[in-house]
Amino acid sequence: KDSIDSVVHTFFEAVILVVIVVYLFLQSFRATLVPIIAVPVSIIGAFIAMTAFGFSINMLTMFAMILAIGIVVDDAIVVVENVERNMSEFKLSPKDAAKRAMDEVSGPVVAIVLVLCAVFIPVAFLSGITGQLYKQFALTIAVSVVLSGVVALTLSPALSAILLKPGHHEKKGFFKWFNQTFDR
């Protein structure tokens, strides 16, 4: 029970760190909402898949879920960042920017999913007791990554088209300092 509580605590810390980093670099609360919504959808889907596979909630599956948070948020960030870039660089509406972004990043998102699955799925076929332990770990991550890819190709561009607003305002205060420092 203490181990699971510790893992749940770490899970929420990881989500908070993801939110802070995304907000710091995208500097938009609306843009931060896309990964905030996409991560739980992918993680809940992974829990549903774990149930379908007959996996229990144990240290390995919970560790896989913590690792998966960092992996699943990447796809959503790639999409929302590219939508933001298209809006500012080409002065497109959020809907048109989302369409253009998906033309540009659909291939890389699919490649990310395939590469990560190629890394983790073979681990599920290890033999012996070690193989049984890592099977749950590997398949939990693989399912999370696949669901993340599906969410990045469907939900993230839709949310970006709905939530993001065109036009950037001049950054002031901390974000102005941060951008100048980062540019240097």
N, C-alpha and C. Protein backbone atom coordinates (compact mmCIF):
# COMPACT_ATOMS: atom_id res chain seq x y z
N LYS A 1 0.83 -1.19 0.00
CA LYS A 1 0.00 0.00 0.00
C LYS A 1 0.88 1.25 0.00
N ASP A 2 1.94 1.27 0.81
CA ASP A 2 2.84 2.42 0.84
C ASP A 2 3.55 2.61 -0.50
N SER A 3 3.92 1.51 -1.13
CA SER A 3 4.58 1.61 -2.43
C SER A 3 3.65 2.20 -3.48
N ILE A 4 2.41 1.74 -3.50
CA ILE A 4 1.43 2.26 -4.46
C ILE A 4 1.16 3.73 -4.17
N ASP A 5 1.04 4.10 -2.90
CA ASP A 5 0.84 5.51 -2.55
C ASP A 5 2.01 6.36 -3.04
N SER A 6 3.21 5.84 -2.90
CA SER A 6 4.39 6.55 -3.36
C SER A 6 4.36 6.73 -4.88
N VAL A 7 3.96 5.71 -5.59
CA VAL A 7 3.88 5.78 -7.04
C VAL A 7 2.81 6.78 -7.47
N VAL A 8 1.67 6.79 -6.81
CA VAL A 8 0.60 7.74 -7.13
C VAL A 8 1.09 9.17 -6.87
N HIS A 9 1.80 9.37 -5.77
CA HIS A 9 2.37 10.68 -5.46
C HIS A 9 3.32 11.13 -6.57
N THR A 10 4.19 10.23 -6.99
CA THR A 10 5.13 10.53 -8.07
C THR A 10 4.40 10.83 -9.37
N PHE A 11 3.32 10.11 -9.62
CA PHE A 11 2.49 10.33 -10.81
C PHE A 11 1.99 11.78 -10.86
N PHE A 12 1.46 12.27 -9.74
CA PHE A 12 0.96 13.64 -9.71
C PHE A 12 2.09 14.66 -9.80
N GLU A 13 3.23 14.37 -9.21
CA GLU A 13 4.39 15.25 -9.35
C GLU A 13 4.81 15.35 -10.81
N ALA A 14 4.81 14.23 -11.50
CA ALA A 14 5.20 14.23 -12.92
C ALA A 14 4.22 15.06 -13.75
N VAL A 15 2.95 14.93 -13.48
CA VAL A 15 1.95 15.71 -14.21
C VAL A 15 2.16 17.20 -13.95
N ILE A 16 2.42 17.58 -12.71
CA ILE A 16 2.64 18.99 -12.37
C ILE A 16 3.88 19.52 -13.09
N LEU A 17 4.96 18.73 -13.12
CA LEU A 17 6.17 19.15 -13.82
C LEU A 17 5.92 19.34 -15.31
N VAL A 18 5.15 18.44 -15.90
CA VAL A 18 4.81 18.56 -17.32
C VAL A 18 4.06 19.86 -17.58
N VAL A 19 3.10 20.17 -16.72
CA VAL A 19 2.32 21.40 -16.88
C VAL A 19 3.23 22.63 -16.77
N ILE A 20 4.10 22.64 -15.78
CA ILE A 20 5.00 23.78 -15.59
C ILE A 20 5.91 23.96 -16.81
N VAL A 21 6.51 22.89 -17.29
CA VAL A 21 7.43 22.99 -18.42
C VAL A 21 6.70 23.42 -19.70
N VAL A 22 5.54 22.85 -19.95
CA VAL A 22 4.78 23.21 -21.15
C VAL A 22 4.36 24.68 -21.08
N TYR A 23 3.89 25.11 -19.93
CA TYR A 23 3.48 26.52 -19.80
C TYR A 23 4.67 27.46 -19.94
N LEU A 24 5.80 27.08 -19.38
CA LEU A 24 6.99 27.92 -19.44
C LEU A 24 7.44 28.13 -20.88
N PHE A 25 7.43 27.08 -21.69
CA PHE A 25 7.95 27.21 -23.05
C PHE A 25 6.89 27.65 -24.06
N LEU A 26 5.65 27.26 -23.90
CA LEU A 26 4.62 27.70 -24.85
C LEU A 26 3.99 29.03 -24.41
N GLN A 27 4.08 29.36 -23.13
CA GLN A 27 3.64 30.63 -22.57
C GLN A 27 2.19 30.95 -22.89
N SER A 28 1.38 29.92 -22.87
CA SER A 28 -0.04 30.09 -23.12
C SER A 28 -0.81 29.06 -22.30
N PHE A 29 -1.73 29.55 -21.49
CA PHE A 29 -2.53 28.62 -20.70
C PHE A 29 -3.39 27.76 -21.61
N ARG A 30 -3.91 28.36 -22.68
CA ARG A 30 -4.75 27.59 -23.62
C ARG A 30 -3.95 26.46 -24.27
N ALA A 31 -2.71 26.75 -24.64
CA ALA A 31 -1.87 25.72 -25.25
C ALA A 31 -1.52 24.64 -24.23
N THR A 32 -1.41 25.02 -22.98
CA THR A 32 -1.09 24.05 -21.92
C THR A 32 -2.26 23.11 -21.67
N LEU A 33 -3.48 23.57 -21.94
CA LEU A 33 -4.65 22.73 -21.74
C LEU A 33 -4.65 21.49 -22.63
N VAL A 34 -4.11 21.60 -23.82
CA VAL A 34 -4.14 20.46 -24.75
C VAL A 34 -3.41 19.25 -24.16
N PRO A 35 -2.13 19.37 -23.72
CA PRO A 35 -1.50 18.20 -23.10
C PRO A 35 -2.15 17.81 -21.77
N ILE A 36 -2.68 18.80 -21.04
CA ILE A 36 -3.34 18.48 -19.76
C ILE A 36 -4.52 17.55 -20.01
N ILE A 37 -5.22 17.75 -21.10
CA ILE A 37 -6.37 16.90 -21.44
C ILE A 37 -5.91 15.61 -22.10
N ALA A 38 -4.90 15.70 -22.96
CA ALA A 38 -4.45 14.53 -23.72
C ALA A 38 -3.80 13.46 -22.83
N VAL A 39 -3.04 13.87 -21.84
CA VAL A 39 -2.34 12.89 -20.99
C VAL A 39 -3.33 12.00 -20.23
N PRO A 40 -4.32 12.55 -19.53
CA PRO A 40 -5.26 11.66 -18.83
C PRO A 40 -6.04 10.75 -19.77
N VAL A 41 -6.36 11.23 -20.96
CA VAL A 41 -7.07 10.37 -21.92
C VAL A 41 -6.21 9.16 -22.26
N SER A 42 -4.94 9.39 -22.55
CA SER A 42 -4.03 8.28 -22.87
C SER A 42 -3.82 7.36 -21.68
N ILE A 43 -3.65 7.93 -20.50
CA ILE A 43 -3.39 7.12 -19.30
C ILE A 43 -4.62 6.31 -18.91
N ILE A 44 -5.79 6.93 -18.98
CA ILE A 44 -7.03 6.18 -18.67
C ILE A 44 -7.22 5.06 -19.69
N GLY A 45 -6.92 5.35 -20.95
CA GLY A 45 -6.99 4.29 -21.97
C GLY A 45 -6.02 3.16 -21.67
N ALA A 46 -4.84 3.50 -21.16
CA ALA A 46 -3.86 2.47 -20.81
C ALA A 46 -4.37 1.61 -19.65
N PHE A 47 -5.03 2.24 -18.66
CA PHE A 47 -5.61 1.46 -17.56
C PHE A 47 -6.70 0.52 -18.08
N ILE A 48 -7.48 0.98 -19.02
CA ILE A 48 -8.52 0.13 -19.61
C ILE A 48 -7.87 -1.06 -20.34
N ALA A 49 -6.80 -0.79 -21.07
CA ALA A 49 -6.08 -1.87 -21.77
C ALA A 49 -5.45 -2.84 -20.78
N MET A 50 -4.92 -2.30 -19.66
CA MET A 50 -4.35 -3.18 -18.63
C MET A 50 -5.41 -4.14 -18.11
N THR A 51 -6.60 -3.64 -17.92
CA THR A 51 -7.71 -4.48 -17.46
C THR A 51 -8.02 -5.55 -18.52
N ALA A 52 -8.04 -5.14 -19.78
CA ALA A 52 -8.32 -6.09 -20.86
C ALA A 52 -7.25 -7.18 -20.95
N PHE A 53 -5.99 -6.82 -20.68
CA PHE A 53 -4.90 -7.80 -20.69
C PHE A 53 -4.87 -8.64 -19.42
N GLY A 54 -5.64 -8.27 -18.42
CA GLY A 54 -5.64 -9.00 -17.16
C GLY A 54 -4.50 -8.62 -16.23
N PHE A 55 -3.89 -7.46 -16.44
CA PHE A 55 -2.80 -7.01 -15.59
C PHE A 55 -3.37 -6.42 -14.31
N SER A 56 -2.60 -6.56 -13.24
CA SER A 56 -2.99 -5.93 -11.98
C SER A 56 -2.26 -4.61 -11.83
N ILE A 57 -2.72 -3.82 -10.88
CA ILE A 57 -2.00 -2.59 -10.56
C ILE A 57 -0.92 -2.98 -9.57
N ASN A 58 0.31 -3.03 -10.04
CA ASN A 58 1.44 -3.40 -9.20
C ASN A 58 2.57 -2.41 -9.44
N MET A 59 3.69 -2.65 -8.82
CA MET A 59 4.79 -1.70 -8.92
C MET A 59 5.29 -1.53 -10.36
N LEU A 60 5.37 -2.61 -11.11
CA LEU A 60 5.87 -2.51 -12.48
C LEU A 60 4.90 -1.77 -13.39
N THR A 61 3.60 -2.05 -13.27
CA THR A 61 2.65 -1.35 -14.13
C THR A 61 2.54 0.12 -13.72
N MET A 62 2.63 0.39 -12.43
CA MET A 62 2.58 1.79 -12.00
C MET A 62 3.85 2.53 -12.42
N PHE A 63 4.99 1.87 -12.35
CA PHE A 63 6.23 2.47 -12.82
C PHE A 63 6.13 2.75 -14.32
N ALA A 64 5.54 1.82 -15.05
CA ALA A 64 5.35 2.02 -16.49
C ALA A 64 4.44 3.22 -16.75
N MET A 65 3.42 3.41 -15.91
CA MET A 65 2.53 4.54 -16.09
C MET A 65 3.26 5.86 -15.83
N ILE A 66 4.13 5.88 -14.84
CA ILE A 66 4.90 7.10 -14.56
C ILE A 66 5.82 7.42 -15.74
N LEU A 67 6.50 6.41 -16.24
CA LEU A 67 7.36 6.60 -17.40
C LEU A 67 6.54 7.02 -18.62
N ALA A 68 5.36 6.46 -18.74
CA ALA A 68 4.50 6.76 -19.89
C ALA A 68 4.03 8.22 -19.91
N ILE A 69 3.91 8.84 -18.76
CA ILE A 69 3.47 10.25 -18.72
C ILE A 69 4.42 11.10 -19.56
N GLY A 70 5.70 10.94 -19.33
CA GLY A 70 6.68 11.71 -20.08
C GLY A 70 6.65 11.39 -21.56
N ILE A 71 6.36 10.16 -21.88
CA ILE A 71 6.32 9.75 -23.29
C ILE A 71 5.05 10.25 -23.96
N VAL A 72 3.89 10.08 -23.31
CA VAL A 72 2.63 10.43 -23.96
C VAL A 72 2.46 11.94 -24.14
N VAL A 73 3.04 12.72 -23.26
CA VAL A 73 2.89 14.16 -23.38
C VAL A 73 3.67 14.69 -24.58
N ASP A 74 4.72 14.00 -25.00
CA ASP A 74 5.52 14.45 -26.14
C ASP A 74 4.69 14.62 -27.40
N ASP A 75 3.85 13.64 -27.70
CA ASP A 75 3.06 13.71 -28.93
C ASP A 75 2.12 14.91 -28.92
N ALA A 76 1.46 15.14 -27.81
CA ALA A 76 0.54 16.28 -27.72
C ALA A 76 1.30 17.59 -27.83
N ILE A 77 2.48 17.66 -27.23
CA ILE A 77 3.28 18.88 -27.29
C ILE A 77 3.75 19.14 -28.72
N VAL A 78 4.16 18.11 -29.43
CA VAL A 78 4.61 18.27 -30.81
C VAL A 78 3.48 18.89 -31.65
N VAL A 79 2.27 18.41 -31.46
CA VAL A 79 1.13 18.91 -32.23
C VAL A 79 0.81 20.36 -31.86
N VAL A 80 0.62 20.63 -30.57
CA VAL A 80 0.20 21.97 -30.16
C VAL A 80 1.29 23.00 -30.46
N GLU A 81 2.55 22.64 -30.31
CA GLU A 81 3.62 23.58 -30.61
C GLU A 81 3.64 23.90 -32.10
N ASN A 82 3.40 22.92 -32.94
CA ASN A 82 3.41 23.16 -34.37
C ASN A 82 2.19 23.99 -34.79
N VAL A 83 1.05 23.78 -34.15
CA VAL A 83 -0.13 24.61 -34.44
C VAL A 83 0.17 26.06 -34.07
N GLU A 84 0.76 26.26 -32.88
CA GLU A 84 1.12 27.62 -32.45
C GLU A 84 2.11 28.25 -33.43
N ARG A 85 3.09 27.49 -33.86
CA ARG A 85 4.09 28.01 -34.80
C ARG A 85 3.43 28.42 -36.11
N ASN A 86 2.54 27.57 -36.62
CA ASN A 86 1.85 27.89 -37.87
C ASN A 86 0.96 29.12 -37.73
N MET A 87 0.34 29.28 -36.57
CA MET A 87 -0.50 30.46 -36.35
C MET A 87 0.34 31.74 -36.35
N SER A 88 1.49 31.71 -35.69
CA SER A 88 2.29 32.92 -35.60
C SER A 88 3.10 33.17 -36.87
N GLU A 89 3.65 32.11 -37.46
CA GLU A 89 4.52 32.29 -38.63
C GLU A 89 3.75 32.59 -39.91
N PHE A 90 2.62 31.91 -40.10
CA PHE A 90 1.86 32.06 -41.34
C PHE A 90 0.55 32.83 -41.16
N LYS A 91 0.31 33.31 -39.93
CA LYS A 91 -0.90 34.09 -39.61
C LYS A 91 -2.17 33.33 -40.00
N LEU A 92 -2.20 32.04 -39.68
CA LEU A 92 -3.35 31.20 -39.99
C LEU A 92 -4.34 31.19 -38.83
N SER A 93 -5.58 30.86 -39.13
CA SER A 93 -6.57 30.66 -38.08
C SER A 93 -6.20 29.37 -37.34
N PRO A 94 -6.70 29.19 -36.12
CA PRO A 94 -6.38 27.95 -35.39
C PRO A 94 -6.76 26.68 -36.16
N LYS A 95 -7.90 26.71 -36.84
CA LYS A 95 -8.35 25.54 -37.60
C LYS A 95 -7.41 25.25 -38.77
N ASP A 96 -7.06 26.28 -39.53
CA ASP A 96 -6.15 26.09 -40.66
C ASP A 96 -4.75 25.72 -40.19
N ALA A 97 -4.32 26.31 -39.08
CA ALA A 97 -3.01 25.97 -38.51
C ALA A 97 -2.98 24.52 -38.05
N ALA A 98 -4.08 24.03 -37.48
CA ALA A 98 -4.15 22.64 -37.04
C ALA A 98 -4.08 21.69 -38.24
N LYS A 99 -4.77 22.05 -39.32
CA LYS A 99 -4.72 21.22 -40.53
C LYS A 99 -3.30 21.17 -41.09
N ARG A 100 -2.68 22.34 -41.18
CA ARG A 100 -1.31 22.40 -41.70
C ARG A 100 -0.34 21.64 -40.78
N ALA A 101 -0.52 21.81 -39.48
CA ALA A 101 0.35 21.13 -38.52
C ALA A 101 0.24 19.62 -38.67
N MET A 102 -0.96 19.12 -38.88
CA MET A 102 -1.12 17.67 -39.01
C MET A 102 -0.52 17.16 -40.31
N ASP A 103 -0.56 17.98 -41.36
CA ASP A 103 0.13 17.60 -42.59
C ASP A 103 1.64 17.48 -42.34
N GLU A 104 2.16 18.34 -41.48
CA GLU A 104 3.59 18.37 -41.21
C GLU A 104 4.05 17.32 -40.20
N VAL A 105 3.25 17.04 -39.18
CA VAL A 105 3.74 16.19 -38.09
C VAL A 105 3.07 14.83 -37.96
N SER A 106 2.15 14.49 -38.84
CA SER A 106 1.52 13.17 -38.75
C SER A 106 2.55 12.06 -38.90
N GLY A 107 3.42 12.20 -39.90
CA GLY A 107 4.47 11.20 -40.12
C GLY A 107 5.40 11.04 -38.92
N PRO A 108 5.94 12.15 -38.39
CA PRO A 108 6.80 12.03 -37.21
C PRO A 108 6.09 11.44 -35.99
N VAL A 109 4.82 11.77 -35.79
CA VAL A 109 4.09 11.21 -34.64
C VAL A 109 3.96 9.70 -34.81
N VAL A 110 3.61 9.26 -36.01
CA VAL A 110 3.51 7.82 -36.26
C VAL A 110 4.88 7.16 -36.08
N ALA A 111 5.94 7.83 -36.53
CA ALA A 111 7.30 7.29 -36.37
C ALA A 111 7.68 7.17 -34.90
N ILE A 112 7.33 8.17 -34.10
CA ILE A 112 7.61 8.11 -32.66
C ILE A 112 6.94 6.89 -32.05
N VAL A 113 5.68 6.68 -32.39
CA VAL A 113 4.92 5.54 -31.86
C VAL A 113 5.57 4.23 -32.28
N LEU A 114 5.91 4.11 -33.55
CA LEU A 114 6.50 2.86 -34.04
C LEU A 114 7.86 2.57 -33.42
N VAL A 115 8.69 3.60 -33.29
CA VAL A 115 10.02 3.40 -32.69
C VAL A 115 9.89 2.97 -31.23
N LEU A 116 9.04 3.65 -30.47
CA LEU A 116 8.89 3.27 -29.06
C LEU A 116 8.28 1.88 -28.90
N CYS A 117 7.35 1.53 -29.77
CA CYS A 117 6.80 0.16 -29.73
C CYS A 117 7.88 -0.86 -30.09
N ALA A 118 8.73 -0.51 -31.05
CA ALA A 118 9.82 -1.42 -31.43
C ALA A 118 10.80 -1.62 -30.29
N VAL A 119 10.90 -0.65 -29.40
CA VAL A 119 11.79 -0.77 -28.26
C VAL A 119 11.15 -1.61 -27.16
N PHE A 120 9.87 -1.36 -26.86
CA PHE A 120 9.26 -1.98 -25.68
C PHE A 120 8.57 -3.31 -25.95
N ILE A 121 7.99 -3.53 -27.11
CA ILE A 121 7.25 -4.77 -27.36
C ILE A 121 8.15 -6.01 -27.30
N PRO A 122 9.36 -5.99 -27.85
CA PRO A 122 10.20 -7.19 -27.73
C PRO A 122 10.48 -7.61 -26.28
N VAL A 123 10.49 -6.65 -25.37
CA VAL A 123 10.72 -6.97 -23.95
C VAL A 123 9.60 -7.88 -23.43
N ALA A 124 8.40 -7.75 -23.99
CA ALA A 124 7.27 -8.57 -23.55
C ALA A 124 7.46 -10.04 -23.88
N PHE A 125 8.39 -10.36 -24.75
CA PHE A 125 8.59 -11.75 -25.15
C PHE A 125 9.78 -12.42 -24.48
N LEU A 126 10.34 -11.76 -23.44
CA LEU A 126 11.41 -12.41 -22.68
C LEU A 126 10.84 -13.65 -21.99
N SER A 127 11.66 -14.64 -21.81
CA SER A 127 11.19 -15.88 -21.18
C SER A 127 11.48 -15.87 -19.68
N GLY A 128 10.86 -16.81 -18.99
CA GLY A 128 11.10 -16.99 -17.57
C GLY A 128 10.33 -16.01 -16.70
N ILE A 129 10.67 -16.00 -15.42
CA ILE A 129 9.98 -15.14 -14.45
C ILE A 129 10.25 -13.67 -14.74
N THR A 130 11.47 -13.37 -15.20
CA THR A 130 11.80 -11.99 -15.56
C THR A 130 10.92 -11.52 -16.72
N GLY A 131 10.72 -12.40 -17.67
CA GLY A 131 9.87 -12.09 -18.81
C GLY A 131 8.45 -11.81 -18.39
N GLN A 132 7.95 -12.58 -17.44
CA GLN A 132 6.58 -12.36 -16.96
C GLN A 132 6.45 -11.00 -16.27
N LEU A 133 7.48 -10.64 -15.50
CA LEU A 133 7.44 -9.34 -14.83
C LEU A 133 7.51 -8.19 -15.83
N TYR A 134 8.44 -8.28 -16.78
CA TYR A 134 8.61 -7.20 -17.73
C TYR A 134 7.53 -7.16 -18.80
N LYS A 135 6.80 -8.25 -18.97
CA LYS A 135 5.70 -8.26 -19.94
C LYS A 135 4.67 -7.19 -19.59
N GLN A 136 4.29 -7.13 -18.33
CA GLN A 136 3.32 -6.12 -17.92
C GLN A 136 3.88 -4.71 -18.10
N PHE A 137 5.12 -4.53 -17.73
CA PHE A 137 5.78 -3.24 -17.87
C PHE A 137 5.81 -2.80 -19.34
N ALA A 138 6.31 -3.68 -20.20
CA ALA A 138 6.49 -3.35 -21.61
C ALA A 138 5.17 -3.10 -22.32
N LEU A 139 4.20 -3.95 -22.07
CA LEU A 139 2.91 -3.78 -22.75
C LEU A 139 2.14 -2.57 -22.25
N THR A 140 2.29 -2.25 -20.98
CA THR A 140 1.65 -1.04 -20.45
C THR A 140 2.21 0.20 -21.14
N ILE A 141 3.52 0.26 -21.29
CA ILE A 141 4.13 1.41 -21.97
C ILE A 141 3.74 1.41 -23.46
N ALA A 142 3.78 0.25 -24.10
CA ALA A 142 3.45 0.19 -25.53
C ALA A 142 2.02 0.64 -25.79
N VAL A 143 1.09 0.19 -24.96
CA VAL A 143 -0.31 0.61 -25.13
C VAL A 143 -0.45 2.10 -24.88
N SER A 144 0.24 2.62 -23.87
CA SER A 144 0.19 4.06 -23.59
C SER A 144 0.70 4.86 -24.79
N VAL A 145 1.78 4.39 -25.39
CA VAL A 145 2.37 5.09 -26.53
C VAL A 145 1.42 5.05 -27.74
N VAL A 146 0.84 3.92 -28.01
CA VAL A 146 -0.10 3.81 -29.14
C VAL A 146 -1.30 4.72 -28.92
N LEU A 147 -1.87 4.68 -27.71
CA LEU A 147 -3.01 5.55 -27.42
C LEU A 147 -2.61 7.02 -27.51
N SER A 148 -1.40 7.33 -27.06
CA SER A 148 -0.90 8.69 -27.17
C SER A 148 -0.83 9.14 -28.63
N GLY A 149 -0.35 8.26 -29.49
CA GLY A 149 -0.29 8.58 -30.92
C GLY A 149 -1.66 8.82 -31.51
N VAL A 150 -2.62 7.98 -31.14
CA VAL A 150 -3.99 8.16 -31.62
C VAL A 150 -4.56 9.48 -31.12
N VAL A 151 -4.33 9.79 -29.86
CA VAL A 151 -4.81 11.05 -29.29
C VAL A 151 -4.14 12.23 -29.98
N ALA A 152 -2.83 12.12 -30.26
CA ALA A 152 -2.11 13.21 -30.91
C ALA A 152 -2.59 13.43 -32.35
N LEU A 153 -3.04 12.38 -33.00
CA LEU A 153 -3.52 12.51 -34.38
C LEU A 153 -4.99 12.92 -34.46
N THR A 154 -5.71 12.82 -33.36
CA THR A 154 -7.15 13.13 -33.39
C THR A 154 -7.54 14.23 -32.41
N LEU A 155 -7.39 13.96 -31.13
CA LEU A 155 -7.86 14.90 -30.10
C LEU A 155 -7.01 16.16 -30.02
N SER A 156 -5.70 16.04 -30.06
CA SER A 156 -4.83 17.21 -29.90
C SER A 156 -5.05 18.27 -30.99
N PRO A 157 -5.13 17.89 -32.27
CA PRO A 157 -5.39 18.93 -33.27
C PRO A 157 -6.79 19.54 -33.13
N ALA A 158 -7.76 18.71 -32.75
CA ALA A 158 -9.12 19.24 -32.56
C ALA A 158 -9.15 20.23 -31.40
N LEU A 159 -8.51 19.86 -30.29
CA LEU A 159 -8.45 20.78 -29.15
C LEU A 159 -7.68 22.05 -29.50
N SER A 160 -6.61 21.90 -30.25
CA SER A 160 -5.83 23.07 -30.66
C SER A 160 -6.67 24.01 -31.50
N ALA A 161 -7.44 23.45 -32.43
CA ALA A 161 -8.28 24.28 -33.29
C ALA A 161 -9.37 25.00 -32.50
N ILE A 162 -9.83 24.37 -31.43
CA ILE A 162 -10.91 24.95 -30.61
C ILE A 162 -10.36 25.92 -29.56
N LEU A 163 -9.29 25.51 -28.87
CA LEU A 163 -8.82 26.27 -27.71
C LEU A 163 -7.88 27.42 -28.03
N LEU A 164 -7.02 27.25 -29.02
CA LEU A 164 -6.02 28.28 -29.29
C LEU A 164 -6.65 29.49 -29.96
N LYS A 165 -6.09 30.64 -29.68
CA LYS A 165 -6.57 31.90 -30.25
C LYS A 165 -5.45 32.52 -31.07
N PRO A 166 -5.80 33.09 -32.25
CA PRO A 166 -4.76 33.72 -33.07
C PRO A 166 -4.26 35.01 -32.45
N GLY A 167 -3.08 35.39 -32.88
CA GLY A 167 -2.50 36.65 -32.42
C GLY A 167 -1.76 36.50 -31.11
N HIS A 168 -0.51 36.87 -31.14
CA HIS A 168 0.30 36.83 -29.92
C HIS A 168 0.50 38.25 -29.43
N HIS A 169 0.43 38.41 -28.16
CA HIS A 169 0.66 39.72 -27.56
C HIS A 169 2.13 39.82 -27.16
N GLU A 170 2.59 41.03 -27.06
CA GLU A 170 3.96 41.26 -26.61
C GLU A 170 4.14 40.70 -25.21
N LYS A 171 5.16 39.91 -25.03
CA LYS A 171 5.43 39.31 -23.73
C LYS A 171 5.99 40.36 -22.80
N LYS A 172 5.58 40.30 -21.54
CA LYS A 172 6.06 41.25 -20.54
C LYS A 172 6.58 40.48 -19.33
N GLY A 173 7.32 41.17 -18.52
CA GLY A 173 7.76 40.62 -17.24
C GLY A 173 8.64 39.40 -17.40
N PHE A 174 8.29 38.36 -16.65
CA PHE A 174 9.09 37.15 -16.61
C PHE A 174 9.25 36.51 -17.98
N PHE A 175 8.16 36.41 -18.76
CA PHE A 175 8.25 35.75 -20.06
C PHE A 175 9.11 36.54 -21.04
N LYS A 176 9.10 37.85 -20.96
CA LYS A 176 9.97 38.66 -21.81
C LYS A 176 11.43 38.37 -21.45
N TRP A 177 11.75 38.39 -20.16
CA TRP A 177 13.11 38.08 -19.70
C TRP A 177 13.49 36.65 -20.10
N PHE A 178 12.59 35.69 -19.90
CA PHE A 178 12.86 34.29 -20.23
C PHE A 178 13.17 34.13 -21.71
N ASN A 179 12.35 34.73 -22.57
CA ASN A 179 12.56 34.62 -24.02
C ASN A 179 13.87 35.26 -24.45
N GLN A 180 14.19 36.43 -23.88
CA GLN A 180 15.46 37.08 -24.23
C GLN A 180 16.64 36.23 -23.79
N THR A 181 16.56 35.71 -22.59
CA THR A 181 17.64 34.87 -22.07
C THR A 181 17.76 33.59 -22.90
N PHE A 182 16.64 32.99 -23.24
CA PHE A 182 16.64 31.76 -24.01
C PHE A 182 17.19 32.02 -25.41
N ASP A 183 16.83 33.14 -26.02
CA ASP A 183 17.34 33.49 -27.33
C ASP A 183 18.86 33.66 -27.34
N ARG A 184 19.38 34.26 -26.26
CA ARG A 184 20.82 34.43 -26.16
C ARG A 184 21.51 33.08 -26.05
